[in-house]
Amino acid sequence: MNKTDKFLRKLKIDDRIVISKVLSQIYSGQYNNLDIKKLKGNSGVYRVRVGRIRIIFTKKSGGIKVDSIEFRNDSTY
């Protein structure tokens, strides 16, 4: 089990539902209505803010890869 699955398993059901909806929007390429920002110093790396949870993902020509899902803290980025 990877770190992302472990984090999602520990979330409350309400938060898990919201995160799954946001992930489906990311994978389908519908970025409107999302608080998305490109991270400086990294090519193709973005973050989505969902309350106090951050989703870090990489967008490449082959598709989208979710790097991490974590609560916001000083070491998130």
PDB file of N, CA and C in Angstrom:
ATOM      1  N   MET A   1       0.852  -1.174   0.000  1.00  0.00           N
ATOM      2  CA  MET A   1       0.000   0.000   0.000  1.00  0.00           C
ATOM      3  C   MET A   1       0.896   1.235   0.000  1.00  0.00           C
ATOM      4  N   ASN A   2       0.608   2.149  -0.923  1.00  0.00           N
ATOM      5  CA  ASN A   2       1.440   3.351  -0.987  1.00  0.00           C
ATOM      6  C   ASN A   2       0.913   4.426  -0.033  1.00  0.00           C
ATOM      7  N   LYS A   3       1.661   5.506   0.060  1.00  0.00           N
ATOM      8  CA  LYS A   3       1.374   6.581   1.012  1.00  0.00           C
ATOM      9  C   LYS A   3       0.035   7.270   0.728  1.00  0.00           C
ATOM     10  N   THR A   4      -0.295   7.438  -0.563  1.00  0.00           N
ATOM     11  CA  THR A   4      -1.533   8.099  -0.944  1.00  0.00           C
ATOM     12  C   THR A   4      -2.753   7.272  -0.542  1.00  0.00           C
ATOM     13  N   ASP A   5      -2.712   5.974  -0.799  1.00  0.00           N
ATOM     14  CA  ASP A   5      -3.818   5.099  -0.407  1.00  0.00           C
ATOM     15  C   ASP A   5      -4.009   5.089   1.105  1.00  0.00           C
ATOM     16  N   LYS A   6      -2.910   5.078   1.826  1.00  0.00           N
ATOM     17  CA  LYS A   6      -2.968   5.078   3.286  1.00  0.00           C
ATOM     18  C   LYS A   6      -3.605   6.369   3.801  1.00  0.00           C
ATOM     19  N   PHE A   7      -3.230   7.505   3.194  1.00  0.00           N
ATOM     20  CA  PHE A   7      -3.795   8.788   3.592  1.00  0.00           C
ATOM     21  C   PHE A   7      -5.294   8.812   3.329  1.00  0.00           C
ATOM     22  N   LEU A   8      -5.705   8.374   2.138  1.00  0.00           N
ATOM     23  CA  LEU A   8      -7.129   8.379   1.792  1.00  0.00           C
ATOM     24  C   LEU A   8      -7.941   7.475   2.703  1.00  0.00           C
ATOM     25  N   ARG A   9      -7.370   6.375   3.096  1.00  0.00           N
ATOM     26  CA  ARG A   9      -8.074   5.440   3.973  1.00  0.00           C
ATOM     27  C   ARG A   9      -8.340   6.038   5.349  1.00  0.00           C
ATOM     28  N   LYS A  10      -7.460   6.941   5.806  1.00  0.00           N
ATOM     29  CA  LYS A  10      -7.600   7.548   7.128  1.00  0.00           C
ATOM     30  C   LYS A  10      -8.569   8.742   7.137  1.00  0.00           C
ATOM     31  N   LEU A  11      -8.928   9.259   5.959  1.00  0.00           N
ATOM     32  CA  LEU A  11      -9.825  10.413   5.899  1.00  0.00           C
ATOM     33  C   LEU A  11     -11.255  10.043   6.278  1.00  0.00           C
ATOM     34  N   LYS A  12     -12.006  11.079   6.698  1.00  0.00           N
ATOM     35  CA  LYS A  12     -13.441  10.883   6.924  1.00  0.00           C
ATOM     36  C   LYS A  12     -14.114  10.651   5.577  1.00  0.00           C
ATOM     37  N   ILE A  13     -15.250  10.007   5.607  1.00  0.00           N
ATOM     38  CA  ILE A  13     -15.944   9.644   4.366  1.00  0.00           C
ATOM     39  C   ILE A  13     -16.308  10.886   3.558  1.00  0.00           C
ATOM     40  N   ASP A  14     -16.746  11.955   4.205  1.00  0.00           N
ATOM     41  CA  ASP A  14     -17.113  13.180   3.485  1.00  0.00           C
ATOM     42  C   ASP A  14     -15.914  13.731   2.709  1.00  0.00           C
ATOM     43  N   ASP A  15     -14.745  13.775   3.374  1.00  0.00           N
ATOM     44  CA  ASP A  15     -13.537  14.270   2.716  1.00  0.00           C
ATOM     45  C   ASP A  15     -13.124  13.342   1.587  1.00  0.00           C
ATOM     46  N   ARG A  16     -13.256  12.052   1.793  1.00  0.00           N
ATOM     47  CA  ARG A  16     -12.887  11.078   0.771  1.00  0.00           C
ATOM     48  C   ARG A  16     -13.737  11.233  -0.489  1.00  0.00           C
ATOM     49  N   ILE A  17     -15.022  11.529  -0.310  1.00  0.00           N
ATOM     50  CA  ILE A  17     -15.921  11.729  -1.454  1.00  0.00           C
ATOM     51  C   ILE A  17     -15.510  12.976  -2.231  1.00  0.00           C
ATOM     52  N   VAL A  18     -15.203  14.059  -1.520  1.00  0.00           N
ATOM     53  CA  VAL A  18     -14.787  15.302  -2.183  1.00  0.00           C
ATOM     54  C   VAL A  18     -13.482  15.086  -2.940  1.00  0.00           C
ATOM     55  N   ILE A  19     -12.520  14.405  -2.335  1.00  0.00           N
ATOM     56  CA  ILE A  19     -11.237  14.155  -2.973  1.00  0.00           C
ATOM     57  C   ILE A  19     -11.421  13.285  -4.212  1.00  0.00           C
ATOM     58  N   SER A  20     -12.280  12.289  -4.144  1.00  0.00           N
ATOM     59  CA  SER A  20     -12.493  11.429  -5.314  1.00  0.00           C
ATOM     60  C   SER A  20     -13.139  12.204  -6.459  1.00  0.00           C
ATOM     61  N   LYS A  21     -14.037  13.141  -6.149  1.00  0.00           N
ATOM     62  CA  LYS A  21     -14.634  13.974  -7.194  1.00  0.00           C
ATOM     63  C   LYS A  21     -13.583  14.874  -7.841  1.00  0.00           C
ATOM     64  N   VAL A  22     -12.706  15.456  -7.023  1.00  0.00           N
ATOM     65  CA  VAL A  22     -11.652  16.320  -7.549  1.00  0.00           C
ATOM     66  C   VAL A  22     -10.684  15.509  -8.404  1.00  0.00           C
ATOM     67  N   LEU A  23     -10.336  14.308  -7.961  1.00  0.00           N
ATOM     68  CA  LEU A  23      -9.444  13.458  -8.739  1.00  0.00           C
ATOM     69  C   LEU A  23     -10.054  13.085 -10.083  1.00  0.00           C
ATOM     70  N   SER A  24     -11.348  12.813 -10.102  1.00  0.00           N
ATOM     71  CA  SER A  24     -11.987  12.480 -11.373  1.00  0.00           C
ATOM     72  C   SER A  24     -12.000  13.689 -12.311  1.00  0.00           C
ATOM     73  N   GLN A  25     -12.134  14.908 -11.760  1.00  0.00           N
ATOM     74  CA  GLN A  25     -12.050  16.120 -12.580  1.00  0.00           C
ATOM     75  C   GLN A  25     -10.643  16.291 -13.147  1.00  0.00           C
ATOM     76  N   ILE A  26      -9.633  16.015 -12.332  1.00  0.00           N
ATOM     77  CA  ILE A  26      -8.250  16.152 -12.783  1.00  0.00           C
ATOM     78  C   ILE A  26      -7.967  15.167 -13.906  1.00  0.00           C
ATOM     79  N   TYR A  27      -8.356  13.912 -13.712  1.00  0.00           N
ATOM     80  CA  TYR A  27      -8.077  12.885 -14.721  1.00  0.00           C
ATOM     81  C   TYR A  27      -8.852  13.130 -16.015  1.00  0.00           C
ATOM     82  N   SER A  28     -10.025  13.752 -15.929  1.00  0.00           N
ATOM     83  CA  SER A  28     -10.794  14.027 -17.141  1.00  0.00           C
ATOM     84  C   SER A  28     -10.383  15.337 -17.813  1.00  0.00           C
ATOM     85  N   GLY A  29      -9.533  16.139 -17.146  1.00  0.00           N
ATOM     86  CA  GLY A  29      -9.038  17.378 -17.739  1.00  0.00           C
ATOM     87  C   GLY A  29      -9.953  18.567 -17.545  1.00  0.00           C
ATOM     88  N   GLN A  30     -10.923  18.476 -16.652  1.00  0.00           N
ATOM     89  CA  GLN A  30     -11.842  19.581 -16.371  1.00  0.00           C
ATOM     90  C   GLN A  30     -11.320  20.361 -15.172  1.00  0.00           C
ATOM     91  N   TYR A  31     -10.499  21.374 -15.461  1.00  0.00           N
ATOM     92  CA  TYR A  31      -9.835  22.120 -14.398  1.00  0.00           C
ATOM     93  C   TYR A  31     -10.613  23.328 -13.912  1.00  0.00           C
ATOM     94  N   ASN A  32     -11.738  23.669 -14.580  1.00  0.00           N
ATOM     95  CA  ASN A  32     -12.507  24.816 -14.120  1.00  0.00           C
ATOM     96  C   ASN A  32     -13.156  24.479 -12.777  1.00  0.00           C
ATOM     97  N   ASN A  33     -13.319  25.470 -11.954  1.00  0.00           N
ATOM     98  CA  ASN A  33     -13.863  25.361 -10.596  1.00  0.00           C
ATOM     99  C   ASN A  33     -12.908  24.680  -9.628  1.00  0.00           C
ATOM    100  N   LEU A  34     -11.650  24.480 -10.015  1.00  0.00           N
ATOM    101  CA  LEU A  34     -10.650  23.922  -9.104  1.00  0.00           C
ATOM    102  C   LEU A  34      -9.647  25.005  -8.756  1.00  0.00           C
ATOM    103  N   ASP A  35      -9.167  24.988  -7.520  1.00  0.00           N
ATOM    104  CA  ASP A  35      -8.118  25.918  -7.105  1.00  0.00           C
ATOM    105  C   ASP A  35      -6.783  25.279  -7.456  1.00  0.00           C
ATOM    106  N   ILE A  36      -6.360  25.456  -8.694  1.00  0.00           N
ATOM    107  CA  ILE A  36      -5.167  24.803  -9.214  1.00  0.00           C
ATOM    108  C   ILE A  36      -4.086  25.845  -9.462  1.00  0.00           C
ATOM    109  N   LYS A  37      -2.832  25.449  -9.201  1.00  0.00           N
ATOM    110  CA  LYS A  37      -1.722  26.371  -9.385  1.00  0.00           C
ATOM    111  C   LYS A  37      -0.492  25.571  -9.797  1.00  0.00           C
ATOM    112  N   LYS A  38       0.270  26.117 -10.734  1.00  0.00           N
ATOM    113  CA  LYS A  38       1.515  25.486 -11.145  1.00  0.00           C
ATOM    114  C   LYS A  38       2.580  25.800 -10.102  1.00  0.00           C
ATOM    115  N   LEU A  39       3.361  24.797  -9.709  1.00  0.00           N
ATOM    116  CA  LEU A  39       4.403  25.000  -8.712  1.00  0.00           C
ATOM    117  C   LEU A  39       5.663  25.532  -9.379  1.00  0.00           C
ATOM    118  N   LYS A  40       6.290  26.498  -8.740  1.00  0.00           N
ATOM    119  CA  LYS A  40       7.493  27.116  -9.277  1.00  0.00           C
ATOM    120  C   LYS A  40       8.664  26.142  -9.213  1.00  0.00           C
ATOM    121  N   GLY A  41       9.529  26.234 -10.204  1.00  0.00           N
ATOM    122  CA  GLY A  41      10.750  25.434 -10.199  1.00  0.00           C
ATOM    123  C   GLY A  41      10.566  24.011 -10.681  1.00  0.00           C
ATOM    124  N   ASN A  42       9.354  23.622 -10.967  1.00  0.00           N
ATOM    125  CA  ASN A  42       9.087  22.263 -11.422  1.00  0.00           C
ATOM    126  C   ASN A  42       8.279  22.341 -12.705  1.00  0.00           C
ATOM    127  N   SER A  43       8.728  21.652 -13.720  1.00  0.00           N
ATOM    128  CA  SER A  43       7.982  21.700 -14.967  1.00  0.00           C
ATOM    129  C   SER A  43       6.874  20.665 -14.948  1.00  0.00           C
ATOM    130  N   GLY A  44       5.668  21.116 -15.171  1.00  0.00           N
ATOM    131  CA  GLY A  44       4.533  20.207 -15.252  1.00  0.00           C
ATOM    132  C   GLY A  44       3.984  19.737 -13.922  1.00  0.00           C
ATOM    133  N   VAL A  45       4.398  20.346 -12.804  1.00  0.00           N
ATOM    134  CA  VAL A  45       3.910  19.944 -11.486  1.00  0.00           C
ATOM    135  C   VAL A  45       2.908  20.988 -10.998  1.00  0.00           C
ATOM    136  N   TYR A  46       1.739  20.516 -10.583  1.00  0.00           N
ATOM    137  CA  TYR A  46       0.653  21.387 -10.151  1.00  0.00           C
ATOM    138  C   TYR A  46       0.156  20.946  -8.790  1.00  0.00           C
ATOM    139  N   ARG A  47      -0.555  21.872  -8.135  1.00  0.00           N
ATOM    140  CA  ARG A  47      -1.221  21.525  -6.886  1.00  0.00           C
ATOM    141  C   ARG A  47      -2.668  21.970  -6.970  1.00  0.00           C
ATOM    142  N   VAL A  48      -3.525  21.206  -6.326  1.00  0.00           N
ATOM    143  CA  VAL A  48      -4.937  21.555  -6.202  1.00  0.00           C
ATOM    144  C   VAL A  48      -5.221  21.684  -4.720  1.00  0.00           C
ATOM    145  N   ARG A  49      -5.867  22.772  -4.356  1.00  0.00           N
ATOM    146  CA  ARG A  49      -6.198  23.015  -2.954  1.00  0.00           C
ATOM    147  C   ARG A  49      -7.652  22.642  -2.730  1.00  0.00           C
ATOM    148  N   VAL A  50      -7.873  21.719  -1.792  1.00  0.00           N
ATOM    149  CA  VAL A  50      -9.220  21.290  -1.414  1.00  0.00           C
ATOM    150  C   VAL A  50      -9.308  21.446   0.104  1.00  0.00           C
ATOM    151  N   GLY A  51      -9.709  22.627   0.554  1.00  0.00           N
ATOM    152  CA  GLY A  51      -9.727  22.892   1.994  1.00  0.00           C
ATOM    153  C   GLY A  51      -8.315  22.887   2.528  1.00  0.00           C
ATOM    154  N   ARG A  52      -8.049  22.031   3.494  1.00  0.00           N
ATOM    155  CA  ARG A  52      -6.689  21.941   4.034  1.00  0.00           C
ATOM    156  C   ARG A  52      -5.902  20.782   3.441  1.00  0.00           C
ATOM    157  N   ILE A  53      -6.461  20.135   2.440  1.00  0.00           N
ATOM    158  CA  ILE A  53      -5.803  19.022   1.758  1.00  0.00           C
ATOM    159  C   ILE A  53      -5.224  19.521   0.441  1.00  0.00           C
ATOM    160  N   ARG A  54      -4.005  19.064   0.118  1.00  0.00           N
ATOM    161  CA  ARG A  54      -3.354  19.433  -1.128  1.00  0.00           C
ATOM    162  C   ARG A  54      -3.116  18.176  -1.956  1.00  0.00           C
ATOM    163  N   ILE A  55      -3.439  18.278  -3.247  1.00  0.00           N
ATOM    164  CA  ILE A  55      -3.186  17.204  -4.194  1.00  0.00           C
ATOM    165  C   ILE A  55      -2.098  17.699  -5.137  1.00  0.00           C
ATOM    166  N   ILE A  56      -0.963  17.030  -5.151  1.00  0.00           N
ATOM    167  CA  ILE A  56       0.155  17.381  -6.011  1.00  0.00           C
ATOM    168  C   ILE A  56       0.164  16.380  -7.159  1.00  0.00           C
ATOM    169  N   PHE A  57       0.141  16.897  -8.407  1.00  0.00           N
ATOM    170  CA  PHE A  57       0.158  15.994  -9.543  1.00  0.00           C
ATOM    171  C   PHE A  57       1.050  16.529 -10.646  1.00  0.00           C
ATOM    172  N   THR A  58       1.473  15.620 -11.517  1.00  0.00           N
ATOM    173  CA  THR A  58       2.334  15.944 -12.639  1.00  0.00           C
ATOM    174  C   THR A  58       1.561  15.709 -13.921  1.00  0.00           C
ATOM    175  N   LYS A  59       1.613  16.693 -14.806  1.00  0.00           N
ATOM    176  CA  LYS A  59       0.933  16.586 -16.094  1.00  0.00           C
ATOM    177  C   LYS A  59       1.993  16.418 -17.173  1.00  0.00           C
ATOM    178  N   LYS A  60       1.955  15.264 -17.859  1.00  0.00           N
ATOM    179  CA  LYS A  60       2.897  14.969 -18.932  1.00  0.00           C
ATOM    180  C   LYS A  60       2.118  14.619 -20.179  1.00  0.00           C
ATOM    181  N   SER A  61       2.828  14.429 -21.270  1.00  0.00           N
ATOM    182  CA  SER A  61       2.166  14.095 -22.530  1.00  0.00           C
ATOM    183  C   SER A  61       1.482  12.730 -22.463  1.00  0.00           C
ATOM    184  N   GLY A  62       1.985  11.832 -21.626  1.00  0.00           N
ATOM    185  CA  GLY A  62       1.400  10.507 -21.494  1.00  0.00           C
ATOM    186  C   GLY A  62       0.194  10.456 -20.584  1.00  0.00           C
ATOM    187  N   GLY A  63      -0.064  11.522 -19.834  1.00  0.00           N
ATOM    188  CA  GLY A  63      -1.209  11.554 -18.934  1.00  0.00           C
ATOM    189  C   GLY A  63      -0.900  12.300 -17.655  1.00  0.00           C
ATOM    190  N   ILE A  64      -1.663  11.989 -16.624  1.00  0.00           N
ATOM    191  CA  ILE A  64      -1.545  12.665 -15.338  1.00  0.00           C
ATOM    192  C   ILE A  64      -1.184  11.646 -14.278  1.00  0.00           C
ATOM    193  N   LYS A  65      -0.218  12.015 -13.419  1.00  0.00           N
ATOM    194  CA  LYS A  65       0.207  11.147 -12.325  1.00  0.00           C
ATOM    195  C   LYS A  65       0.058  11.909 -11.019  1.00  0.00           C
ATOM    196  N   VAL A  66      -0.714  11.371 -10.086  1.00  0.00           N
ATOM    197  CA  VAL A  66      -0.869  11.989  -8.767  1.00  0.00           C
ATOM    198  C   VAL A  66       0.347  11.612  -7.935  1.00  0.00           C
ATOM    199  N   ASP A  67       1.104  12.631  -7.518  1.00  0.00           N
ATOM    200  CA  ASP A  67       2.320  12.395  -6.751  1.00  0.00           C
ATOM    201  C   ASP A  67       2.032  12.222  -5.270  1.00  0.00           C
ATOM    202  N   SER A  68       1.166  13.085  -4.721  1.00  0.00           N
ATOM    203  CA  SER A  68       0.852  12.965  -3.300  1.00  0.00           C
ATOM    204  C   SER A  68      -0.456  13.660  -2.981  1.00  0.00           C
ATOM    205  N   ILE A  69      -1.067  13.199  -1.897  1.00  0.00           N
ATOM    206  CA  ILE A  69      -2.242  13.838  -1.316  1.00  0.00           C
ATOM    207  C   ILE A  69      -1.945  13.948   0.170  1.00  0.00           C
ATOM    208  N   GLU A  70      -1.882  15.175   0.667  1.00  0.00           N
ATOM    209  CA  GLU A  70      -1.488  15.402   2.064  1.00  0.00           C
ATOM    210  C   GLU A  70      -2.241  16.583   2.644  1.00  0.00           C
ATOM    211  N   PHE A  71      -2.253  16.653   3.983  1.00  0.00           N
ATOM    212  CA  PHE A  71      -2.719  17.858   4.642  1.00  0.00           C
ATOM    213  C   PHE A  71      -1.667  18.936   4.456  1.00  0.00           C
ATOM    214  N   ARG A  72      -2.078  20.171   4.383  1.00  0.00           N
ATOM    215  CA  ARG A  72      -1.149  21.287   4.201  1.00  0.00           C
ATOM    216  C   ARG A  72      -0.340  21.494   5.461  1.00  0.00           C
ATOM    217  N   ASN A  73       0.981  21.508   5.297  1.00  0.00           N
ATOM    218  CA  ASN A  73       1.891  21.857   6.382  1.00  0.00           C
ATOM    219  C   ASN A  73       3.147  22.453   5.762  1.00  0.00           C
ATOM    220  N   ASP A  74       4.173  22.699   6.542  1.00  0.00           N
ATOM    221  CA  ASP A  74       5.372  23.365   6.048  1.00  0.00           C
ATOM    222  C   ASP A  74       6.165  22.505   5.078  1.00  0.00           C
ATOM    223  N   SER A  75       6.021  21.204   5.117  1.00  0.00           N
ATOM    224  CA  SER A  75       6.810  20.330   4.239  1.00  0.00           C
ATOM    225  C   SER A  75       5.999  19.751   3.089  1.00  0.00           C
ATOM    226  N   THR A  76       4.799  20.270   2.823  1.00  0.00           N
ATOM    227  CA  THR A  76       3.959  19.727   1.772  1.00  0.00           C
ATOM    228  C   THR A  76       4.581  19.928   0.400  1.00  0.00           C
ATOM    229  N   TYR A  77       5.088  21.113   0.127  1.00  0.00           N
ATOM    230  CA  TYR A  77       5.651  21.401  -1.184  1.00  0.00           C
ATOM    231  C   TYR A  77       7.123  21.154  -1.138  1.00  0.00           C
TER     232      TYR A  77
END
